Amino acid sequence: MKVTVLRAVPILGWLYVAAGILAALTNNVPANRLLRAVFWIDVFLSVVVHAAQIPAALRTAKDSGRSPVETAVLTQIFGLTWWKTQEAA
């Protein structure tokens, strides 16, 4: 249960990114600067930081039976809440 809750955090982050992109495409960007700042922080964490974790995830999952592509995709989606919790799951 704890792992599922931890993995919900990056999913909520990706949903916020999607909502922000949809808002931009429909010209409904919020006037609130804090909401816009949180969006850009979320984009950085979801895209850049998750991507930076892929090499460590590949080393960790080397003998797990998962393909490197699957490991990279799941790490990009869930970040360390995926690859750090493999034994717990």
PDB file of N, CA and C in Angstrom:
ATOM      1  N   MET A   1       0.826  -1.209   0.000  1.00  0.00           N
ATOM      2  CA  MET A   1       0.000   0.000   0.000  1.00  0.00           C
ATOM      3  C   MET A   1       0.865   1.266   0.000  1.00  0.00           C
ATOM      4  N   LYS A   2       1.922   1.265   0.816  1.00  0.00           N
ATOM      5  CA  LYS A   2       2.791   2.430   0.919  1.00  0.00           C
ATOM      6  C   LYS A   2       3.438   2.758  -0.433  1.00  0.00           C
ATOM      7  N   VAL A   3       3.867   1.719  -1.158  1.00  0.00           N
ATOM      8  CA  VAL A   3       4.506   1.923  -2.460  1.00  0.00           C
ATOM      9  C   VAL A   3       3.512   2.542  -3.440  1.00  0.00           C
ATOM     10  N   THR A   4       2.283   2.081  -3.400  1.00  0.00           N
ATOM     11  CA  THR A   4       1.247   2.626  -4.292  1.00  0.00           C
ATOM     12  C   THR A   4       1.017   4.102  -4.008  1.00  0.00           C
ATOM     13  N   VAL A   5       0.985   4.467  -2.753  1.00  0.00           N
ATOM     14  CA  VAL A   5       0.799   5.874  -2.378  1.00  0.00           C
ATOM     15  C   VAL A   5       1.996   6.703  -2.847  1.00  0.00           C
ATOM     16  N   LEU A   6       3.202   6.174  -2.670  1.00  0.00           N
ATOM     17  CA  LEU A   6       4.389   6.893  -3.131  1.00  0.00           C
ATOM     18  C   LEU A   6       4.366   7.099  -4.641  1.00  0.00           C
ATOM     19  N   ARG A   7       3.928   6.092  -5.369  1.00  0.00           N
ATOM     20  CA  ARG A   7       3.902   6.195  -6.829  1.00  0.00           C
ATOM     21  C   ARG A   7       2.775   7.091  -7.327  1.00  0.00           C
ATOM     22  N   ALA A   8       1.816   7.399  -6.482  1.00  0.00           N
ATOM     23  CA  ALA A   8       0.744   8.319  -6.869  1.00  0.00           C
ATOM     24  C   ALA A   8       1.268   9.751  -7.004  1.00  0.00           C
ATOM     25  N   VAL A   9       2.314  10.082  -6.273  1.00  0.00           N
ATOM     26  CA  VAL A   9       2.860  11.446  -6.300  1.00  0.00           C
ATOM     27  C   VAL A   9       3.331  11.832  -7.704  1.00  0.00           C
ATOM     28  N   PRO A  10       4.183  11.014  -8.373  1.00  0.00           N
ATOM     29  CA  PRO A  10       4.581  11.413  -9.722  1.00  0.00           C
ATOM     30  C   PRO A  10       3.425  11.398 -10.716  1.00  0.00           C
ATOM     31  N   ILE A  11       2.452  10.528 -10.508  1.00  0.00           N
ATOM     32  CA  ILE A  11       1.288  10.519 -11.400  1.00  0.00           C
ATOM     33  C   ILE A  11       0.526  11.828 -11.258  1.00  0.00           C
ATOM     34  N   LEU A  12       0.362  12.296 -10.036  1.00  0.00           N
ATOM     35  CA  LEU A  12      -0.292  13.597  -9.828  1.00  0.00           C
ATOM     36  C   LEU A  12       0.519  14.717 -10.479  1.00  0.00           C
ATOM     37  N   GLY A  13       1.839  14.605 -10.410  1.00  0.00           N
ATOM     38  CA  GLY A  13       2.700  15.601 -11.060  1.00  0.00           C
ATOM     39  C   GLY A  13       2.499  15.606 -12.566  1.00  0.00           C
ATOM     40  N   TRP A  14       2.462  14.422 -13.181  1.00  0.00           N
ATOM     41  CA  TRP A  14       2.234  14.338 -14.627  1.00  0.00           C
ATOM     42  C   TRP A  14       0.843  14.864 -14.996  1.00  0.00           C
ATOM     43  N   LEU A  15      -0.145  14.625 -14.149  1.00  0.00           N
ATOM     44  CA  LEU A  15      -1.486  15.162 -14.412  1.00  0.00           C
ATOM     45  C   LEU A  15      -1.481  16.688 -14.366  1.00  0.00           C
ATOM     46  N   TYR A  16      -0.706  17.253 -13.431  1.00  0.00           N
ATOM     47  CA  TYR A  16      -0.603  18.710 -13.346  1.00  0.00           C
ATOM     48  C   TYR A  16       0.086  19.276 -14.591  1.00  0.00           C
ATOM     49  N   VAL A  17       1.119  18.573 -15.070  1.00  0.00           N
ATOM     50  CA  VAL A  17       1.796  18.999 -16.304  1.00  0.00           C
ATOM     51  C   VAL A  17       0.803  18.957 -17.469  1.00  0.00           C
ATOM     52  N   ALA A  18       0.047  17.875 -17.575  1.00  0.00           N
ATOM     53  CA  ALA A  18      -0.939  17.751 -18.660  1.00  0.00           C
ATOM     54  C   ALA A  18      -1.993  18.850 -18.571  1.00  0.00           C
ATOM     55  N   ALA A  19      -2.456  19.140 -17.366  1.00  0.00           N
ATOM     56  CA  ALA A  19      -3.449  20.205 -17.195  1.00  0.00           C
ATOM     57  C   ALA A  19      -2.868  21.559 -17.590  1.00  0.00           C
ATOM     58  N   GLY A  20      -1.604  21.790 -17.267  1.00  0.00           N
ATOM     59  CA  GLY A  20      -0.963  23.051 -17.637  1.00  0.00           C
ATOM     60  C   GLY A  20      -0.798  23.190 -19.138  1.00  0.00           C
ATOM     61  N   ILE A  21      -0.443  22.096 -19.800  1.00  0.00           N
ATOM     62  CA  ILE A  21      -0.327  22.129 -21.267  1.00  0.00           C
ATOM     63  C   ILE A  21      -1.686  22.374 -21.899  1.00  0.00           C
ATOM     64  N   LEU A  22      -2.704  21.698 -21.380  1.00  0.00           N
ATOM     65  CA  LEU A  22      -4.062  21.901 -21.890  1.00  0.00           C
ATOM     66  C   LEU A  22      -4.517  23.347 -21.675  1.00  0.00           C
ATOM     67  N   ALA A  23      -4.197  23.909 -20.516  1.00  0.00           N
ATOM     68  CA  ALA A  23      -4.550  25.305 -20.246  1.00  0.00           C
ATOM     69  C   ALA A  23      -3.851  26.246 -21.220  1.00  0.00           C
ATOM     70  N   ALA A  24      -2.591  25.960 -21.518  1.00  0.00           N
ATOM     71  CA  ALA A  24      -1.849  26.807 -22.460  1.00  0.00           C
ATOM     72  C   ALA A  24      -2.425  26.695 -23.870  1.00  0.00           C
ATOM     73  N   LEU A  25      -2.794  25.471 -24.265  1.00  0.00           N
ATOM     74  CA  LEU A  25      -3.342  25.268 -25.605  1.00  0.00           C
ATOM     75  C   LEU A  25      -4.713  25.920 -25.790  1.00  0.00           C
ATOM     76  N   THR A  26      -5.467  26.016 -24.709  1.00  0.00           N
ATOM     77  CA  THR A  26      -6.800  26.628 -24.782  1.00  0.00           C
ATOM     78  C   THR A  26      -6.791  28.090 -24.351  1.00  0.00           C
ATOM     79  N   ASN A  27      -5.585  28.646 -24.172  1.00  0.00           N
ATOM     80  CA  ASN A  27      -5.419  30.044 -23.788  1.00  0.00           C
ATOM     81  C   ASN A  27      -6.101  30.359 -22.459  1.00  0.00           C
ATOM     82  N   ASN A  28      -6.006  29.431 -21.514  1.00  0.00           N
ATOM     83  CA  ASN A  28      -6.575  29.611 -20.177  1.00  0.00           C
ATOM     84  C   ASN A  28      -5.504  29.521 -19.097  1.00  0.00           C
ATOM     85  N   VAL A  29      -4.344  30.090 -19.359  1.00  0.00           N
ATOM     86  CA  VAL A  29      -3.247  30.053 -18.397  1.00  0.00           C
ATOM     87  C   VAL A  29      -3.654  30.851 -17.162  1.00  0.00           C
ATOM     88  N   PRO A  30      -3.465  30.284 -15.973  1.00  0.00           N
ATOM     89  CA  PRO A  30      -3.864  31.005 -14.764  1.00  0.00           C
ATOM     90  C   PRO A  30      -3.045  32.280 -14.558  1.00  0.00           C
ATOM     91  N   ALA A  31      -3.683  33.284 -14.032  1.00  0.00           N
ATOM     92  CA  ALA A  31      -3.003  34.548 -13.758  1.00  0.00           C
ATOM     93  C   ALA A  31      -2.104  34.439 -12.523  1.00  0.00           C
ATOM     94  N   ASN A  32      -2.382  33.477 -11.670  1.00  0.00           N
ATOM     95  CA  ASN A  32      -1.632  33.299 -10.435  1.00  0.00           C
ATOM     96  C   ASN A  32      -0.198  32.862 -10.736  1.00  0.00           C
ATOM     97  N   ARG A  33       0.764  33.661 -10.324  1.00  0.00           N
ATOM     98  CA  ARG A  33       2.170  33.377 -10.604  1.00  0.00           C
ATOM     99  C   ARG A  33       2.648  32.125  -9.886  1.00  0.00           C
ATOM    100  N   LEU A  34       2.103  31.854  -8.698  1.00  0.00           N
ATOM    101  CA  LEU A  34       2.499  30.670  -7.947  1.00  0.00           C
ATOM    102  C   LEU A  34       2.120  29.392  -8.698  1.00  0.00           C
ATOM    103  N   LEU A  35       0.913  29.352  -9.264  1.00  0.00           N
ATOM    104  CA  LEU A  35       0.495  28.179 -10.034  1.00  0.00           C
ATOM    105  C   LEU A  35       1.381  27.968 -11.254  1.00  0.00           C
ATOM    106  N   ARG A  36       1.765  29.062 -11.904  1.00  0.00           N
ATOM    107  CA  ARG A  36       2.656  28.945 -13.062  1.00  0.00           C
ATOM    108  C   ARG A  36       4.044  28.491 -12.643  1.00  0.00           C
ATOM    109  N   ALA A  37       4.541  29.003 -11.521  1.00  0.00           N
ATOM    110  CA  ALA A  37       5.854  28.587 -11.030  1.00  0.00           C
ATOM    111  C   ALA A  37       5.854  27.106 -10.646  1.00  0.00           C
ATOM    112  N   VAL A  38       4.796  26.671  -9.986  1.00  0.00           N
ATOM    113  CA  VAL A  38       4.690  25.257  -9.613  1.00  0.00           C
ATOM    114  C   VAL A  38       4.656  24.379 -10.865  1.00  0.00           C
ATOM    115  N   PHE A  39       3.991  24.852 -11.914  1.00  0.00           N
ATOM    116  CA  PHE A  39       3.962  24.103 -13.172  1.00  0.00           C
ATOM    117  C   PHE A  39       5.370  23.904 -13.710  1.00  0.00           C
ATOM    118  N   TRP A  40       6.162  24.966 -13.783  1.00  0.00           N
ATOM    119  CA  TRP A  40       7.504  24.851 -14.347  1.00  0.00           C
ATOM    120  C   TRP A  40       8.426  24.027 -13.465  1.00  0.00           C
ATOM    121  N   ILE A  41       8.269  24.121 -12.160  1.00  0.00           N
ATOM    122  CA  ILE A  41       9.038  23.270 -11.249  1.00  0.00           C
ATOM    123  C   ILE A  41       8.665  21.812 -11.475  1.00  0.00           C
ATOM    124  N   ASP A  42       7.376  21.546 -11.624  1.00  0.00           N
ATOM    125  CA  ASP A  42       6.892  20.192 -11.870  1.00  0.00           C
ATOM    126  C   ASP A  42       7.413  19.650 -13.197  1.00  0.00           C
ATOM    127  N   VAL A  43       7.430  20.477 -14.233  1.00  0.00           N
ATOM    128  CA  VAL A  43       7.973  20.049 -15.532  1.00  0.00           C
ATOM    129  C   VAL A  43       9.443  19.679 -15.366  1.00  0.00           C
ATOM    130  N   PHE A  44      10.203  20.501 -14.677  1.00  0.00           N
ATOM    131  CA  PHE A  44      11.629  20.218 -14.467  1.00  0.00           C
ATOM    132  C   PHE A  44      11.823  18.904 -13.720  1.00  0.00           C
ATOM    133  N   LEU A  45      11.077  18.723 -12.631  1.00  0.00           N
ATOM    134  CA  LEU A  45      11.217  17.498 -11.842  1.00  0.00           C
ATOM    135  C   LEU A  45      10.771  16.267 -12.631  1.00  0.00           C
ATOM    136  N   SER A  46       9.656  16.377 -13.340  1.00  0.00           N
ATOM    137  CA  SER A  46       9.104  15.234 -14.058  1.00  0.00           C
ATOM    138  C   SER A  46       9.927  14.849 -15.273  1.00  0.00           C
ATOM    139  N   VAL A  47      10.469  15.813 -15.968  1.00  0.00           N
ATOM    140  CA  VAL A  47      11.196  15.518 -17.205  1.00  0.00           C
ATOM    141  C   VAL A  47      12.697  15.378 -16.934  1.00  0.00           C
ATOM    142  N   VAL A  48      13.308  16.402 -16.410  1.00  0.00           N
ATOM    143  CA  VAL A  48      14.764  16.428 -16.274  1.00  0.00           C
ATOM    144  C   VAL A  48      15.251  15.507 -15.156  1.00  0.00           C
ATOM    145  N   VAL A  49      14.672  15.628 -13.988  1.00  0.00           N
ATOM    146  CA  VAL A  49      15.158  14.841 -12.850  1.00  0.00           C
ATOM    147  C   VAL A  49      14.860  13.357 -13.044  1.00  0.00           C
ATOM    148  N   HIS A  50      13.667  13.023 -13.531  1.00  0.00           N
ATOM    149  CA  HIS A  50      13.374  11.611 -13.784  1.00  0.00           C
ATOM    150  C   HIS A  50      14.320  11.041 -14.843  1.00  0.00           C
ATOM    151  N   ALA A  51      14.591  11.797 -15.885  1.00  0.00           N
ATOM    152  CA  ALA A  51      15.516  11.326 -16.923  1.00  0.00           C
ATOM    153  C   ALA A  51      16.930  11.137 -16.356  1.00  0.00           C
ATOM    154  N   ALA A  52      17.335  12.006 -15.459  1.00  0.00           N
ATOM    155  CA  ALA A  52      18.662  11.889 -14.855  1.00  0.00           C
ATOM    156  C   ALA A  52      18.791  10.646 -13.979  1.00  0.00           C
ATOM    157  N   GLN A  53      17.680  10.099 -13.531  1.00  0.00           N
ATOM    158  CA  GLN A  53      17.689   8.905 -12.681  1.00  0.00           C
ATOM    159  C   GLN A  53      17.777   7.610 -13.484  1.00  0.00           C
ATOM    160  N   ILE A  54      17.604   7.675 -14.794  1.00  0.00           N
ATOM    161  CA  ILE A  54      17.579   6.461 -15.612  1.00  0.00           C
ATOM    162  C   ILE A  54      18.874   5.655 -15.520  1.00  0.00           C
ATOM    163  N   PRO A  55      20.068   6.262 -15.590  1.00  0.00           N
ATOM    164  CA  PRO A  55      21.283   5.435 -15.468  1.00  0.00           C
ATOM    165  C   PRO A  55      21.349   4.651 -14.152  1.00  0.00           C
ATOM    166  N   ALA A  56      20.986   5.265 -13.050  1.00  0.00           N
ATOM    167  CA  ALA A  56      20.993   4.560 -11.762  1.00  0.00           C
ATOM    168  C   ALA A  56      19.942   3.454 -11.749  1.00  0.00           C
ATOM    169  N   ALA A  57      18.800   3.718 -12.340  1.00  0.00           N
ATOM    170  CA  ALA A  57      17.746   2.703 -12.402  1.00  0.00           C
ATOM    171  C   ALA A  57      18.187   1.517 -13.248  1.00  0.00           C
ATOM    172  N   LEU A  58      18.872   1.774 -14.336  1.00  0.00           N
ATOM    173  CA  LEU A  58      19.356   0.687 -15.192  1.00  0.00           C
ATOM    174  C   LEU A  58      20.375  -0.182 -14.447  1.00  0.00           C
ATOM    175  N   ARG A  59      21.252   0.441 -13.672  1.00  0.00           N
ATOM    176  CA  ARG A  59      22.218  -0.331 -12.874  1.00  0.00           C
ATOM    177  C   ARG A  59      21.499  -1.167 -11.815  1.00  0.00           C
ATOM    178  N   THR A  60      20.498  -0.572 -11.173  1.00  0.00           N
ATOM    179  CA  THR A  60      19.766  -1.267 -10.124  1.00  0.00           C
ATOM    180  C   THR A  60      18.953  -2.429 -10.679  1.00  0.00           C
ATOM    181  N   ALA A  61      18.353  -2.244 -11.838  1.00  0.00           N
ATOM    182  CA  ALA A  61      17.452  -3.257 -12.409  1.00  0.00           C
ATOM    183  C   ALA A  61      18.165  -4.225 -13.341  1.00  0.00           C
ATOM    184  N   LYS A  62      19.479  -4.172 -13.382  1.00  0.00           N
ATOM    185  CA  LYS A  62      20.249  -4.984 -14.328  1.00  0.00           C
ATOM    186  C   LYS A  62      19.900  -6.472 -14.250  1.00  0.00           C
ATOM    187  N   ASP A  63      19.770  -7.022 -13.066  1.00  0.00           N
ATOM    188  CA  ASP A  63      19.495  -8.449 -12.894  1.00  0.00           C
ATOM    189  C   ASP A  63      18.046  -8.727 -12.493  1.00  0.00           C
ATOM    190  N   SER A  64      17.153  -7.795 -12.770  1.00  0.00           N
ATOM    191  CA  SER A  64      15.760  -7.951 -12.347  1.00  0.00           C
ATOM    192  C   SER A  64      14.894  -8.698 -13.348  1.00  0.00           C
ATOM    193  N   GLY A  65      15.408  -8.887 -14.570  1.00  0.00           N
ATOM    194  CA  GLY A  65      14.603  -9.542 -15.592  1.00  0.00           C
ATOM    195  C   GLY A  65      13.798  -8.574 -16.438  1.00  0.00           C
ATOM    196  N   ARG A  66      13.821  -7.298 -16.090  1.00  0.00           N
ATOM    197  CA  ARG A  66      13.127  -6.286 -16.894  1.00  0.00           C
ATOM    198  C   ARG A  66      14.061  -5.777 -17.981  1.00  0.00           C
ATOM    199  N   SER A  67      13.469  -5.427 -19.117  1.00  0.00           N
ATOM    200  CA  SER A  67      14.277  -4.897 -20.208  1.00  0.00           C
ATOM    201  C   SER A  67      14.741  -3.477 -19.856  1.00  0.00           C
ATOM    202  N   PRO A  68      15.854  -3.052 -20.434  1.00  0.00           N
ATOM    203  CA  PRO A  68      16.317  -1.678 -20.197  1.00  0.00           C
ATOM    204  C   PRO A  68      15.289  -0.628 -20.641  1.00  0.00           C
ATOM    205  N   VAL A  69      14.561  -0.902 -21.715  1.00  0.00           N
ATOM    206  CA  VAL A  69      13.546   0.050 -22.187  1.00  0.00           C
ATOM    207  C   VAL A  69      12.422   0.167 -21.169  1.00  0.00           C
ATOM    208  N   GLU A  70      11.957  -0.962 -20.655  1.00  0.00           N
ATOM    209  CA  GLU A  70      10.895  -0.939 -19.642  1.00  0.00           C
ATOM    210  C   GLU A  70      11.361  -0.203 -18.391  1.00  0.00           C
ATOM    211  N   THR A  71      12.585  -0.460 -17.977  1.00  0.00           N
ATOM    212  CA  THR A  71      13.144   0.229 -16.811  1.00  0.00           C
ATOM    213  C   THR A  71      13.206   1.729 -17.046  1.00  0.00           C
ATOM    214  N   ALA A  72      13.662   2.139 -18.221  1.00  0.00           N
ATOM    215  CA  ALA A  72      13.770   3.567 -18.531  1.00  0.00           C
ATOM    216  C   ALA A  72      12.388   4.231 -18.569  1.00  0.00           C
ATOM    217  N   VAL A  73      11.422   3.581 -19.192  1.00  0.00           N
ATOM    218  CA  VAL A  73      10.079   4.166 -19.293  1.00  0.00           C
ATOM    219  C   VAL A  73       9.441   4.293 -17.910  1.00  0.00           C
ATOM    220  N   LEU A  74       9.519   3.233 -17.117  1.00  0.00           N
ATOM    221  CA  LEU A  74       8.918   3.288 -15.784  1.00  0.00           C
ATOM    222  C   LEU A  74       9.623   4.306 -14.892  1.00  0.00           C
ATOM    223  N   THR A  75      10.934   4.452 -15.059  1.00  0.00           N
ATOM    224  CA  THR A  75      11.661   5.468 -14.296  1.00  0.00           C
ATOM    225  C   THR A  75      11.267   6.868 -14.751  1.00  0.00           C
ATOM    226  N   GLN A  76      11.068   7.071 -16.045  1.00  0.00           N
ATOM    227  CA  GLN A  76      10.644   8.387 -16.529  1.00  0.00           C
ATOM    228  C   GLN A  76       9.261   8.737 -15.988  1.00  0.00           C
ATOM    229  N   ILE A  77       8.395   7.764 -15.861  1.00  0.00           N
ATOM    230  CA  ILE A  77       7.046   8.024 -15.350  1.00  0.00           C
ATOM    231  C   ILE A  77       7.050   8.199 -13.839  1.00  0.00           C
ATOM    232  N   PHE A  78       7.672   7.261 -13.127  1.00  0.00           N
ATOM    233  CA  PHE A  78       7.574   7.233 -11.663  1.00  0.00           C
ATOM    234  C   PHE A  78       8.805   7.755 -10.929  1.00  0.00           C
ATOM    235  N   GLY A  79       9.915   7.942 -11.630  1.00  0.00           N
ATOM    236  CA  GLY A  79      11.130   8.392 -10.970  1.00  0.00           C
ATOM    237  C   GLY A  79      11.638   7.372  -9.978  1.00  0.00           C
ATOM    238  N   LEU A  80      12.281   7.834  -8.926  1.00  0.00           N
ATOM    239  CA  LEU A  80      12.850   6.913  -7.954  1.00  0.00           C
ATOM    240  C   LEU A  80      11.794   6.153  -7.186  1.00  0.00           C
ATOM    241  N   THR A  81      10.535   6.610  -7.205  1.00  0.00           N
ATOM    242  CA  THR A  81       9.498   5.850  -6.519  1.00  0.00           C
ATOM    243  C   THR A  81       9.235   4.528  -7.221  1.00  0.00           C
ATOM    244  N   TRP A  82       9.765   4.353  -8.433  1.00  0.00           N
ATOM    245  CA  TRP A  82       9.675   3.046  -9.073  1.00  0.00           C
ATOM    246  C   TRP A  82      10.912   2.206  -8.794  1.00  0.00           C
ATOM    247  N   TRP A  83      12.074   2.702  -9.169  1.00  0.00           N
ATOM    248  CA  TRP A  83      13.249   1.838  -9.106  1.00  0.00           C
ATOM    249  C   TRP A  83      13.781   1.631  -7.694  1.00  0.00           C
ATOM    250  N   LYS A  84      13.549   2.561  -6.786  1.00  0.00           N
ATOM    251  CA  LYS A  84      14.007   2.394  -5.402  1.00  0.00           C
ATOM    252  C   LYS A  84      13.106   1.451  -4.621  1.00  0.00           C
ATOM    253  N   THR A  85      11.881   1.227  -5.096  1.00  0.00           N
ATOM    254  CA  THR A  85      10.916   0.422  -4.339  1.00  0.00           C
ATOM    255  C   THR A  85      10.677  -0.947  -4.974  1.00  0.00           C
ATOM    256  N   GLN A  86      11.544  -1.381  -5.874  1.00  0.00           N
ATOM    257  CA  GLN A  86      11.340  -2.666  -6.544  1.00  0.00           C
ATOM    258  C   GLN A  86      11.276  -3.828  -5.569  1.00  0.00           C
ATOM    259  N   GLU A  87      12.128  -3.851  -4.570  1.00  0.00           N
ATOM    260  CA  GLU A  87      12.098  -4.941  -3.601  1.00  0.00           C
ATOM    261  C   GLU A  87      10.865  -4.862  -2.714  1.00  0.00           C
ATOM    262  N   ALA A  88      10.408  -3.645  -2.392  1.00  0.00           N
ATOM    263  CA  ALA A  88       9.219  -3.477  -1.554  1.00  0.00           C
ATOM    264  C   ALA A  88       7.943  -3.893  -2.280  1.00  0.00           C
ATOM    265  N   ALA A  89       7.930  -3.684  -3.605  1.00  0.00           N
ATOM    266  CA  ALA A  89       6.746  -4.046  -4.380  1.00  0.00           C
ATOM    267  C   ALA A  89       6.708  -5.542  -4.574  1.00  0.00           C
TER     268      ALA A  89
END
